[in-house]
PDB file of N, CA and C in Angstrom:
ATOM      1  N   MET A   1     -13.679 292.283 -59.631  1.00  0.00           N
ATOM      2  CA  MET A   1     -13.116 293.237 -58.713  1.00  0.00           C
ATOM      3  C   MET A   1     -13.705 294.632 -58.944  1.00  0.00           C
ATOM      4  N   LEU A   2     -13.898 295.020 -60.210  1.00  0.00           N
ATOM      5  CA  LEU A   2     -14.451 296.343 -60.500  1.00  0.00           C
ATOM      6  C   LEU A   2     -15.869 296.478 -59.968  1.00  0.00           C
ATOM      7  N   ASP A   3     -16.657 295.403 -60.065  1.00  0.00           N
ATOM      8  CA  ASP A   3     -18.015 295.442 -59.503  1.00  0.00           C
ATOM      9  C   ASP A   3     -17.955 295.666 -57.998  1.00  0.00           C
ATOM     10  N   SER A   4     -17.049 294.978 -57.334  1.00  0.00           N
ATOM     11  CA  SER A   4     -16.897 295.124 -55.893  1.00  0.00           C
ATOM     12  C   SER A   4     -16.460 296.541 -55.519  1.00  0.00           C
ATOM     13  N   LEU A   5     -15.472 297.070 -56.233  1.00  0.00           N
ATOM     14  CA  LEU A   5     -15.026 298.445 -55.972  1.00  0.00           C
ATOM     15  C   LEU A   5     -16.153 299.440 -56.179  1.00  0.00           C
ATOM     16  N   SER A   6     -16.927 299.221 -57.227  1.00  0.00           N
ATOM     17  CA  SER A   6     -18.015 300.136 -57.542  1.00  0.00           C
ATOM     18  C   SER A   6     -19.071 300.154 -56.444  1.00  0.00           C
ATOM     19  N   VAL A   7     -19.317 299.015 -55.841  1.00  0.00           N
ATOM     20  CA  VAL A   7     -20.317 298.914 -54.775  1.00  0.00           C
ATOM     21  C   VAL A   7     -19.765 299.441 -53.449  1.00  0.00           C
ATOM     22  N   GLU A   8     -18.515 299.156 -53.168  1.00  0.00           N
ATOM     23  CA  GLU A   8     -17.944 299.442 -51.859  1.00  0.00           C
ATOM     24  C   GLU A   8     -17.281 300.809 -51.730  1.00  0.00           C
ATOM     25  N   CYS A   9     -16.976 301.472 -52.844  1.00  0.00           N
ATOM     26  CA  CYS A   9     -16.211 302.723 -52.789  1.00  0.00           C
ATOM     27  C   CYS A   9     -17.011 303.891 -53.342  1.00  0.00           C
ATOM     28  N   ASP A  10     -16.841 305.046 -52.712  1.00  0.00           N
ATOM     29  CA  ASP A  10     -17.457 306.269 -53.220  1.00  0.00           C
ATOM     30  C   ASP A  10     -16.646 306.850 -54.370  1.00  0.00           C
ATOM     31  N   ILE A  11     -15.332 306.712 -54.308  1.00  0.00           N
ATOM     32  CA  ILE A  11     -14.411 307.149 -55.360  1.00  0.00           C
ATOM     33  C   ILE A  11     -13.273 306.144 -55.438  1.00  0.00           C
ATOM     34  N   VAL A  12     -12.600 306.106 -56.580  1.00  0.00           N
ATOM     35  CA  VAL A  12     -11.442 305.235 -56.731  1.00  0.00           C
ATOM     36  C   VAL A  12     -10.337 306.037 -57.406  1.00  0.00           C
ATOM     37  N   ILE A  13      -9.165 306.022 -56.799  1.00  0.00           N
ATOM     38  CA  ILE A  13      -7.975 306.631 -57.387  1.00  0.00           C
ATOM     39  C   ILE A  13      -7.126 305.488 -57.922  1.00  0.00           C
ATOM     40  N   ILE A  14      -6.887 305.511 -59.220  1.00  0.00           N
ATOM     41  CA  ILE A  14      -6.184 304.412 -59.873  1.00  0.00           C
ATOM     42  C   ILE A  14      -4.808 304.893 -60.321  1.00  0.00           C
ATOM     43  N   ALA A  15      -3.792 304.202 -59.851  1.00  0.00           N
ATOM     44  CA  ALA A  15      -2.431 304.547 -60.224  1.00  0.00           C
ATOM     45  C   ALA A  15      -1.682 303.251 -60.496  1.00  0.00           C
ATOM     46  N   MET A  16      -0.781 303.196 -61.288  1.00  0.00           N
ATOM     47  CA  MET A  16      -0.051 304.287 -61.843  1.00  0.00           C
ATOM     48  C   MET A  16       0.199 304.034 -63.318  1.00  0.00           C
ATOM     49  N   GLY A  17      -0.133 304.992 -64.131  1.00  0.00           N
ATOM     50  CA  GLY A  17       0.153 304.929 -65.550  1.00  0.00           C
ATOM     51  C   GLY A  17       1.555 305.433 -65.796  1.00  0.00           C
ATOM     52  N   ASP A  18       2.525 304.543 -65.658  1.00  0.00           N
ATOM     53  CA  ASP A  18       3.932 304.919 -65.726  1.00  0.00           C
ATOM     54  C   ASP A  18       4.675 304.123 -66.798  1.00  0.00           C
ATOM     55  N   CYS A  19       3.930 303.324 -67.558  1.00  0.00           N
ATOM     56  CA  CYS A  19       4.465 302.600 -68.704  1.00  0.00           C
ATOM     57  C   CYS A  19       3.290 302.301 -69.629  1.00  0.00           C
ATOM     58  N   GLY A  20       3.555 301.728 -70.771  1.00  0.00           N
ATOM     59  CA  GLY A  20       2.497 301.519 -71.750  1.00  0.00           C
ATOM     60  C   GLY A  20       1.380 300.610 -71.284  1.00  0.00           C
ATOM     61  N   SER A  21       1.713 299.400 -70.848  1.00  0.00           N
ATOM     62  CA  SER A  21       0.663 298.459 -70.445  1.00  0.00           C
ATOM     63  C   SER A  21      -0.020 298.904 -69.157  1.00  0.00           C
ATOM     64  N   CYS A  22       0.724 299.461 -68.226  1.00  0.00           N
ATOM     65  CA  CYS A  22       0.121 299.956 -66.982  1.00  0.00           C
ATOM     66  C   CYS A  22      -0.879 301.070 -67.277  1.00  0.00           C
ATOM     67  N   THR A  23      -0.520 301.967 -68.156  1.00  0.00           N
ATOM     68  CA  THR A  23      -1.414 303.065 -68.525  1.00  0.00           C
ATOM     69  C   THR A  23      -2.688 302.518 -69.140  1.00  0.00           C
ATOM     70  N   SER A  24      -2.572 301.547 -70.026  1.00  0.00           N
ATOM     71  CA  SER A  24      -3.760 300.959 -70.659  1.00  0.00           C
ATOM     72  C   SER A  24      -4.703 300.373 -69.622  1.00  0.00           C
ATOM     73  N   TYR A  25      -4.166 299.646 -68.667  1.00  0.00           N
ATOM     74  CA  TYR A  25      -5.018 299.042 -67.643  1.00  0.00           C
ATOM     75  C   TYR A  25      -5.612 300.075 -66.695  1.00  0.00           C
ATOM     76  N   VAL A  26      -4.843 301.084 -66.334  1.00  0.00           N
ATOM     77  CA  VAL A  26      -5.361 302.161 -65.480  1.00  0.00           C
ATOM     78  C   VAL A  26      -6.569 302.810 -66.158  1.00  0.00           C
ATOM     79  N   ILE A  27      -6.421 303.157 -67.414  1.00  0.00           N
ATOM     80  CA  ILE A  27      -7.492 303.837 -68.140  1.00  0.00           C
ATOM     81  C   ILE A  27      -8.692 302.902 -68.325  1.00  0.00           C
ATOM     82  N   HIS A  28      -8.451 301.672 -68.699  1.00  0.00           N
ATOM     83  CA  HIS A  28      -9.544 300.712 -68.873  1.00  0.00           C
ATOM     84  C   HIS A  28     -10.350 300.574 -67.582  1.00  0.00           C
ATOM     85  N   ASP A  29      -9.670 300.379 -66.463  1.00  0.00           N
ATOM     86  CA  ASP A  29     -10.369 300.229 -65.189  1.00  0.00           C
ATOM     87  C   ASP A  29     -11.129 301.493 -64.815  1.00  0.00           C
ATOM     88  N   ALA A  30     -10.541 302.651 -65.052  1.00  0.00           N
ATOM     89  CA  ALA A  30     -11.220 303.911 -64.749  1.00  0.00           C
ATOM     90  C   ALA A  30     -12.485 304.078 -65.587  1.00  0.00           C
ATOM     91  N   VAL A  31     -12.408 303.760 -66.866  1.00  0.00           N
ATOM     92  CA  VAL A  31     -13.586 303.844 -67.739  1.00  0.00           C
ATOM     93  C   VAL A  31     -14.677 302.912 -67.234  1.00  0.00           C
ATOM     94  N   GLU A  32     -14.308 301.697 -66.892  1.00  0.00           N
ATOM     95  CA  GLU A  32     -15.298 300.735 -66.410  1.00  0.00           C
ATOM     96  C   GLU A  32     -15.938 301.201 -65.102  1.00  0.00           C
ATOM     97  N   LEU A  33     -15.161 301.773 -64.207  1.00  0.00           N
ATOM     98  CA  LEU A  33     -15.724 302.298 -62.960  1.00  0.00           C
ATOM     99  C   LEU A  33     -16.652 303.480 -63.222  1.00  0.00           C
ATOM    100  N   GLU A  34     -16.232 304.387 -64.084  1.00  0.00           N
ATOM    101  CA  GLU A  34     -17.076 305.538 -64.422  1.00  0.00           C
ATOM    102  C   GLU A  34     -18.395 305.075 -65.042  1.00  0.00           C
ATOM    103  N   LYS A  35     -18.356 304.065 -65.893  1.00  0.00           N
ATOM    104  CA  LYS A  35     -19.582 303.530 -66.495  1.00  0.00           C
ATOM    105  C   LYS A  35     -20.519 302.966 -65.430  1.00  0.00           C
ATOM    106  N   ARG A  36     -19.958 302.483 -64.331  1.00  0.00           N
ATOM    107  CA  ARG A  36     -20.756 301.945 -63.233  1.00  0.00           C
ATOM    108  C   ARG A  36     -21.232 303.054 -62.294  1.00  0.00           C
ATOM    109  N   GLY A  37     -20.842 304.287 -62.577  1.00  0.00           N
ATOM    110  CA  GLY A  37     -21.262 305.415 -61.756  1.00  0.00           C
ATOM    111  C   GLY A  37     -20.328 305.736 -60.609  1.00  0.00           C
ATOM    112  N   THR A  38     -19.157 305.120 -60.570  1.00  0.00           N
ATOM    113  CA  THR A  38     -18.193 305.378 -59.514  1.00  0.00           C
ATOM    114  C   THR A  38     -17.129 306.335 -60.027  1.00  0.00           C
ATOM    115  N   PRO A  39     -17.077 307.553 -59.482  1.00  0.00           N
ATOM    116  CA  PRO A  39     -16.062 308.505 -59.927  1.00  0.00           C
ATOM    117  C   PRO A  39     -14.659 307.956 -59.702  1.00  0.00           C
ATOM    118  N   SER A  40     -13.795 308.208 -60.662  1.00  0.00           N
ATOM    119  CA  SER A  40     -12.420 307.734 -60.552  1.00  0.00           C
ATOM    120  C   SER A  40     -11.465 308.798 -61.057  1.00  0.00           C
ATOM    121  N   ILE A  41     -10.252 308.681 -60.588  1.00  0.00           N
ATOM    122  CA  ILE A  41      -9.169 309.528 -61.069  1.00  0.00           C
ATOM    123  C   ILE A  41      -8.037 308.597 -61.473  1.00  0.00           C
ATOM    124  N   SER A  42      -7.526 308.795 -62.657  1.00  0.00           N
ATOM    125  CA  SER A  42      -6.366 308.039 -63.133  1.00  0.00           C
ATOM    126  C   SER A  42      -5.128 308.887 -62.910  1.00  0.00           C
ATOM    127  N   ILE A  43      -4.104 308.280 -62.352  1.00  0.00           N
ATOM    128  CA  ILE A  43      -2.830 308.960 -62.159  1.00  0.00           C
ATOM    129  C   ILE A  43      -1.870 308.422 -63.216  1.00  0.00           C
ATOM    130  N   CYS A  44      -1.377 309.309 -64.072  1.00  0.00           N
ATOM    131  CA  CYS A  44      -0.440 308.926 -65.133  1.00  0.00           C
ATOM    132  C   CYS A  44       0.744 309.883 -65.128  1.00  0.00           C
ATOM    133  N   SER A  45       1.891 309.356 -65.501  1.00  0.00           N
ATOM    134  CA  SER A  45       3.051 310.238 -65.637  1.00  0.00           C
ATOM    135  C   SER A  45       2.941 310.994 -66.963  1.00  0.00           C
ATOM    136  N   HIS A  46       3.612 312.129 -67.033  1.00  0.00           N
ATOM    137  CA  HIS A  46       3.505 312.969 -68.234  1.00  0.00           C
ATOM    138  C   HIS A  46       3.990 312.242 -69.481  1.00  0.00           C
ATOM    139  N   GLU A  47       4.876 311.275 -69.325  1.00  0.00           N
ATOM    140  CA  GLU A  47       5.370 310.525 -70.479  1.00  0.00           C
ATOM    141  C   GLU A  47       4.279 309.653 -71.112  1.00  0.00           C
ATOM    142  N   PHE A  48       3.245 309.306 -70.341  1.00  0.00           N
ATOM    143  CA  PHE A  48       2.212 308.405 -70.835  1.00  0.00           C
ATOM    144  C   PHE A  48       0.820 309.029 -70.819  1.00  0.00           C
ATOM    145  N   ALA A  49       0.735 310.316 -70.541  1.00  0.00           N
ATOM    146  CA  ALA A  49      -0.565 310.992 -70.515  1.00  0.00           C
ATOM    147  C   ALA A  49      -1.229 310.982 -71.888  1.00  0.00           C
ATOM    148  N   ALA A  50      -0.478 311.196 -72.940  1.00  0.00           N
ATOM    149  CA  ALA A  50      -1.064 311.191 -74.290  1.00  0.00           C
ATOM    150  C   ALA A  50      -1.647 309.815 -74.612  1.00  0.00           C
ATOM    151  N   LEU A  51      -0.931 308.757 -74.255  1.00  0.00           N
ATOM    152  CA  LEU A  51      -1.444 307.408 -74.453  1.00  0.00           C
ATOM    153  C   LEU A  51      -2.732 307.216 -73.657  1.00  0.00           C
ATOM    154  N   GLY A  52      -2.744 307.684 -72.430  1.00  0.00           N
ATOM    155  CA  GLY A  52      -3.944 307.571 -71.599  1.00  0.00           C
ATOM    156  C   GLY A  52      -5.133 308.266 -72.221  1.00  0.00           C
ATOM    157  N   LYS A  53      -4.911 309.435 -72.774  1.00  0.00           N
ATOM    158  CA  LYS A  53      -6.008 310.185 -73.410  1.00  0.00           C
ATOM    159  C   LYS A  53      -6.518 309.462 -74.654  1.00  0.00           C
ATOM    160  N   VAL A  54      -5.603 308.904 -75.448  1.00  0.00           N
ATOM    161  CA  VAL A  54      -6.006 308.152 -76.637  1.00  0.00           C
ATOM    162  C   VAL A  54      -6.783 306.903 -76.232  1.00  0.00           C
ATOM    163  N   GLU A  55      -6.311 306.210 -75.205  1.00  0.00           N
ATOM    164  CA  GLU A  55      -7.004 305.013 -74.710  1.00  0.00           C
ATOM    165  C   GLU A  55      -8.416 305.371 -74.244  1.00  0.00           C
ATOM    166  N   ALA A  56      -8.533 306.440 -73.466  1.00  0.00           N
ATOM    167  CA  ALA A  56      -9.848 306.855 -72.964  1.00  0.00           C
ATOM    168  C   ALA A  56     -10.786 307.178 -74.116  1.00  0.00           C
ATOM    169  N   GLN A  57     -10.291 307.883 -75.112  1.00  0.00           N
ATOM    170  CA  GLN A  57     -11.117 308.216 -76.270  1.00  0.00           C
ATOM    171  C   GLN A  57     -11.533 306.942 -77.005  1.00  0.00           C
ATOM    172  N   ALA A  58     -10.615 306.015 -77.186  1.00  0.00           N
ATOM    173  CA  ALA A  58     -10.922 304.765 -77.877  1.00  0.00           C
ATOM    174  C   ALA A  58     -11.972 303.951 -77.120  1.00  0.00           C
ATOM    175  N   LEU A  59     -12.011 304.113 -75.791  1.00  0.00           N
ATOM    176  CA  LEU A  59     -12.988 303.399 -74.974  1.00  0.00           C
ATOM    177  C   LEU A  59     -14.274 304.191 -74.786  1.00  0.00           C
ATOM    178  N   GLY A  60     -14.396 305.288 -75.520  1.00  0.00           N
ATOM    179  CA  GLY A  60     -15.636 306.063 -75.501  1.00  0.00           C
ATOM    180  C   GLY A  60     -15.767 307.057 -74.373  1.00  0.00           C
ATOM    181  N   MET A  61     -14.655 307.421 -73.720  1.00  0.00           N
ATOM    182  CA  MET A  61     -14.727 308.366 -72.618  1.00  0.00           C
ATOM    183  C   MET A  61     -13.563 309.351 -72.716  1.00  0.00           C
ATOM    184  N   ALA A  62     -13.615 310.176 -73.752  1.00  0.00           N
ATOM    185  CA  ALA A  62     -12.517 311.107 -74.037  1.00  0.00           C
ATOM    186  C   ALA A  62     -12.240 312.073 -72.888  1.00  0.00           C
ATOM    187  N   ASN A  63     -13.225 312.363 -72.070  1.00  0.00           N
ATOM    188  CA  ASN A  63     -13.054 313.323 -70.977  1.00  0.00           C
ATOM    189  C   ASN A  63     -12.786 312.654 -69.635  1.00  0.00           C
ATOM    190  N   LEU A  64     -12.235 311.464 -69.668  1.00  0.00           N
ATOM    191  CA  LEU A  64     -11.936 310.741 -68.436  1.00  0.00           C
ATOM    192  C   LEU A  64     -11.005 311.565 -67.547  1.00  0.00           C
ATOM    193  N   PRO A  65     -11.317 311.682 -66.262  1.00  0.00           N
ATOM    194  CA  PRO A  65     -10.456 312.455 -65.360  1.00  0.00           C
ATOM    195  C   PRO A  65      -9.076 311.822 -65.207  1.00  0.00           C
ATOM    196  N   MET A  66      -8.064 312.644 -65.355  1.00  0.00           N
ATOM    197  CA  MET A  66      -6.692 312.172 -65.235  1.00  0.00           C
ATOM    198  C   MET A  66      -5.863 313.254 -64.559  1.00  0.00           C
ATOM    199  N   VAL A  67      -5.047 312.844 -63.613  1.00  0.00           N
ATOM    200  CA  VAL A  67      -4.076 313.748 -63.010  1.00  0.00           C
ATOM    201  C   VAL A  67      -2.713 313.302 -63.524  1.00  0.00           C
ATOM    202  N   VAL A  68      -1.991 314.242 -64.080  1.00  0.00           N
ATOM    203  CA  VAL A  68      -0.698 313.953 -64.691  1.00  0.00           C
ATOM    204  C   VAL A  68       0.402 314.418 -63.743  1.00  0.00           C
ATOM    205  N   VAL A  69       1.325 313.506 -63.471  1.00  0.00           N
ATOM    206  CA  VAL A  69       2.444 313.809 -62.578  1.00  0.00           C
ATOM    207  C   VAL A  69       3.751 313.628 -63.343  1.00  0.00           C
ATOM    208  N   PRO A  70       4.830 314.230 -62.854  1.00  0.00           N
ATOM    209  CA  PRO A  70       6.117 314.079 -63.535  1.00  0.00           C
ATOM    210  C   PRO A  70       6.578 312.618 -63.572  1.00  0.00           C
ATOM    211  N   HIS A  71       7.164 312.252 -64.691  1.00  0.00           N
ATOM    212  CA  HIS A  71       7.721 310.916 -64.876  1.00  0.00           C
ATOM    213  C   HIS A  71       9.110 310.873 -64.240  1.00  0.00           C
ATOM    214  N   PRO A  72       9.540 309.802 -63.657  1.00  0.00           N
ATOM    215  CA  PRO A  72       8.823 308.546 -63.449  1.00  0.00           C
ATOM    216  C   PRO A  72       8.062 308.551 -62.131  1.00  0.00           C
ATOM    217  N   ILE A  73       7.182 307.579 -62.004  1.00  0.00           N
ATOM    218  CA  ILE A  73       6.497 307.360 -60.726  1.00  0.00           C
ATOM    219  C   ILE A  73       7.146 306.170 -60.022  1.00  0.00           C
ATOM    220  N   GLY A  74       7.350 305.100 -60.775  1.00  0.00           N
ATOM    221  CA  GLY A  74       7.947 303.890 -60.202  1.00  0.00           C
ATOM    222  C   GLY A  74       9.460 303.952 -60.190  1.00  0.00           C
ATOM    223  N   GLY A  75      10.047 303.168 -59.302  1.00  0.00           N
ATOM    224  CA  GLY A  75      11.499 303.045 -59.249  1.00  0.00           C
ATOM    225  C   GLY A  75      12.214 304.250 -58.682  1.00  0.00           C
ATOM    226  N   ILE A  76      11.506 305.071 -57.914  1.00  0.00           N
ATOM    227  CA  ILE A  76      12.135 306.252 -57.322  1.00  0.00           C
ATOM    228  C   ILE A  76      12.059 306.159 -55.799  1.00  0.00           C
ATOM    229  N   ASP A  77      12.819 306.984 -55.133  1.00  0.00           N
ATOM    230  CA  ASP A  77      12.866 307.037 -53.680  1.00  0.00           C
ATOM    231  C   ASP A  77      11.489 307.354 -53.093  1.00  0.00           C
ATOM    232  N   ARG A  78      11.195 306.761 -51.947  1.00  0.00           N
ATOM    233  CA  ARG A  78       9.900 306.987 -51.284  1.00  0.00           C
ATOM    234  C   ARG A  78       9.623 308.466 -51.011  1.00  0.00           C
ATOM    235  N   LYS A  79      10.653 309.209 -50.664  1.00  0.00           N
ATOM    236  CA  LYS A  79      10.457 310.637 -50.401  1.00  0.00           C
ATOM    237  C   LYS A  79      10.005 311.365 -51.665  1.00  0.00           C
ATOM    238  N   GLU A  80      10.546 310.964 -52.791  1.00  0.00           N
ATOM    239  CA  GLU A  80      10.149 311.571 -54.065  1.00  0.00           C
ATOM    240  C   GLU A  80       8.711 311.187 -54.419  1.00  0.00           C
ATOM    241  N   VAL A  81       8.338 309.949 -54.158  1.00  0.00           N
ATOM    242  CA  VAL A  81       6.955 309.515 -54.381  1.00  0.00           C
ATOM    243  C   VAL A  81       6.014 310.344 -53.507  1.00  0.00           C
ATOM    244  N   ALA A  82       6.371 310.519 -52.244  1.00  0.00           N
ATOM    245  CA  ALA A  82       5.545 311.301 -51.327  1.00  0.00           C
ATOM    246  C   ALA A  82       5.424 312.748 -51.801  1.00  0.00           C
ATOM    247  N   ARG A  83       6.514 313.318 -52.293  1.00  0.00           N
ATOM    248  CA  ARG A  83       6.475 314.697 -52.790  1.00  0.00           C
ATOM    249  C   ARG A  83       5.538 314.809 -53.985  1.00  0.00           C
ATOM    250  N   LYS A  84       5.636 313.855 -54.905  1.00  0.00           N
ATOM    251  CA  LYS A  84       4.767 313.874 -56.082  1.00  0.00           C
ATOM    252  C   LYS A  84       3.303 313.702 -55.680  1.00  0.00           C
ATOM    253  N   ALA A  85       3.045 312.845 -54.693  1.00  0.00           N
ATOM    254  CA  ALA A  85       1.679 312.656 -54.209  1.00  0.00           C
ATOM    255  C   ALA A  85       1.151 313.943 -53.567  1.00  0.00           C
ATOM    256  N   ASP A  86       1.977 314.563 -52.750  1.00  0.00           N
ATOM    257  CA  ASP A  86       1.574 315.836 -52.131  1.00  0.00           C
ATOM    258  C   ASP A  86       1.286 316.896 -53.191  1.00  0.00           C
ATOM    259  N   ASP A  87       2.147 316.972 -54.205  1.00  0.00           N
ATOM    260  CA  ASP A  87       1.963 317.958 -55.268  1.00  0.00           C
ATOM    261  C   ASP A  87       0.680 317.713 -56.059  1.00  0.00           C
ATOM    262  N   ALA A  88       0.276 316.456 -56.191  1.00  0.00           N
ATOM    263  CA  ALA A  88      -0.901 316.110 -56.990  1.00  0.00           C
ATOM    264  C   ALA A  88      -2.197 316.141 -56.185  1.00  0.00           C
ATOM    265  N   PHE A  89      -2.112 316.239 -54.876  1.00  0.00           N
ATOM    266  CA  PHE A  89      -3.296 316.122 -54.018  1.00  0.00           C
ATOM    267  C   PHE A  89      -4.395 317.125 -54.366  1.00  0.00           C
ATOM    268  N   GLU A  90      -4.052 318.386 -54.487  1.00  0.00           N
ATOM    269  CA  GLU A  90      -5.061 319.414 -54.787  1.00  0.00           C
ATOM    270  C   GLU A  90      -5.718 319.162 -56.149  1.00  0.00           C
ATOM    271  N   ASP A  91      -4.934 318.695 -57.111  1.00  0.00           N
ATOM    272  CA  ASP A  91      -5.490 318.383 -58.427  1.00  0.00           C
ATOM    273  C   ASP A  91      -6.485 317.231 -58.337  1.00  0.00           C
ATOM    274  N   MET A  92      -6.191 316.247 -57.491  1.00  0.00           N
ATOM    275  CA  MET A  92      -7.122 315.137 -57.322  1.00  0.00           C
ATOM    276  C   MET A  92      -8.416 315.603 -56.669  1.00  0.00           C
ATOM    277  N   ILE A  93      -8.313 316.437 -55.660  1.00  0.00           N
ATOM    278  CA  ILE A  93      -9.504 316.971 -54.991  1.00  0.00           C
ATOM    279  C   ILE A  93     -10.344 317.771 -55.989  1.00  0.00           C
ATOM    280  N   GLU A  94      -9.694 318.623 -56.757  1.00  0.00           N
ATOM    281  CA  GLU A  94     -10.405 319.415 -57.763  1.00  0.00           C
ATOM    282  C   GLU A  94     -11.099 318.510 -58.780  1.00  0.00           C
ATOM    283  N   ALA A  95     -10.380 317.490 -59.238  1.00  0.00           N
ATOM    284  CA  ALA A  95     -10.937 316.583 -60.239  1.00  0.00           C
ATOM    285  C   ALA A  95     -12.164 315.855 -59.706  1.00  0.00           C
ATOM    286  N   LEU A  96     -12.124 315.470 -58.453  1.00  0.00           N
ATOM    287  CA  LEU A  96     -13.248 314.744 -57.871  1.00  0.00           C
ATOM    288  C   LEU A  96     -14.398 315.661 -57.483  1.00  0.00           C
ATOM    289  N   SER A  97     -14.150 316.954 -57.422  1.00  0.00           N
ATOM    290  CA  SER A  97     -15.180 317.912 -57.016  1.00  0.00           C
ATOM    291  C   SER A  97     -16.113 318.297 -58.144  1.00  0.00           C
ATOM    292  N   LEU A  98     -15.693 318.089 -59.378  1.00  0.00           N
ATOM    293  CA  LEU A  98     -16.522 318.460 -60.519  1.00  0.00           C
ATOM    294  C   LEU A  98     -17.486 317.332 -60.856  1.00  0.00           C
ATOM    295  N   PRO A  99     -18.661 317.684 -61.378  1.00  0.00           N
ATOM    296  CA  PRO A  99     -19.629 316.641 -61.736  1.00  0.00           C
ATOM    297  C   PRO A  99     -19.127 315.778 -62.880  1.00  0.00           C
ATOM    298  N   GLN A 100     -19.601 314.526 -62.907  1.00  0.00           N
ATOM    299  CA  GLN A 100     -19.257 313.656 -64.019  1.00  0.00           C
ATOM    300  C   GLN A 100     -19.739 314.313 -65.299  1.00  0.00           C
ATOM    301  N   GLY A 101     -19.012 314.093 -66.379  1.00  0.00           N
ATOM    302  CA  GLY A 101     -19.333 314.745 -67.639  1.00  0.00           C
ATOM    303  C   GLY A 101     -18.543 316.020 -67.843  1.00  0.00           C
ATOM    304  N   LYS A 102     -17.920 316.525 -66.801  1.00  0.00           N
ATOM    305  CA  LYS A 102     -17.078 317.722 -66.896  1.00  0.00           C
ATOM    306  C   LYS A 102     -15.613 317.347 -66.751  1.00  0.00           C
ATOM    307  N   SER A 103     -15.304 316.109 -67.023  1.00  0.00           N
ATOM    308  CA  SER A 103     -13.979 315.607 -66.713  1.00  0.00           C
ATOM    309  C   SER A 103     -12.858 316.208 -67.540  1.00  0.00           C
ATOM    310  N   SER A 104     -13.152 316.756 -68.708  1.00  0.00           N
ATOM    311  CA  SER A 104     -12.068 317.375 -69.456  1.00  0.00           C
ATOM    312  C   SER A 104     -11.497 318.548 -68.673  1.00  0.00           C
ATOM    313  N   GLU A 105     -12.318 319.164 -67.854  1.00  0.00           N
ATOM    314  CA  GLU A 105     -11.848 320.249 -67.007  1.00  0.00           C
ATOM    315  C   GLU A 105     -11.078 319.714 -65.810  1.00  0.00           C
ATOM    316  N   ARG A 106     -11.201 318.414 -65.554  1.00  0.00           N
ATOM    317  CA  ARG A 106     -10.543 317.828 -64.404  1.00  0.00           C
ATOM    318  C   ARG A 106      -9.123 317.400 -64.699  1.00  0.00           C
ATOM    319  N   ALA A 107      -8.765 317.246 -65.952  1.00  0.00           N
ATOM    320  CA  ALA A 107      -7.408 316.804 -66.281  1.00  0.00           C
ATOM    321  C   ALA A 107      -6.432 317.925 -65.977  1.00  0.00           C
ATOM    322  N   THR A 108      -5.347 317.590 -65.300  1.00  0.00           N
ATOM    323  CA  THR A 108      -4.358 318.598 -64.908  1.00  0.00           C
ATOM    324  C   THR A 108      -2.969 318.144 -65.276  1.00  0.00           C
ATOM    325  N   GLN A 109      -2.060 319.066 -65.286  1.00  0.00           N
ATOM    326  CA  GLN A 109      -0.659 318.769 -65.610  1.00  0.00           C
ATOM    327  C   GLN A 109       0.211 319.271 -64.478  1.00  0.00           C
ATOM    328  N   GLN A 110       0.954 318.377 -63.861  1.00  0.00           N
ATOM    329  CA  GLN A 110       1.929 318.766 -62.846  1.00  0.00           C
ATOM    330  C   GLN A 110       3.227 319.127 -63.544  1.00  0.00           C
ATOM    331  N   SER A 111       3.968 320.038 -62.985  1.00  0.00           N
ATOM    332  CA  SER A 111       5.282 320.367 -63.547  1.00  0.00           C
ATOM    333  C   SER A 111       6.365 319.592 -62.863  1.00  0.00           C
TER     334      SER A 111
END
């Protein structure tokens, strides 16, 4: 699937790092896409952002782009999900606008 995404997509937004195992898979997939040359953004909640950063570093990509949103992401009302997405939109655009290799500057923290 990652090979297909890498060929068919210009960018990939991967969500949602809202628990331990989900965060691990989000980060793993993002690293694999970045290695294939496909820019990606990982969306993680603030409760799991530290885990995401450790995972990215362990996978050899400490500066992996990540947008951090308030926890929780899952199990909340659709209107709240939409609000969080709207709040994170500019951060995602900014993160995708920077060249690869500058991703530490792309990581943001939502309040």
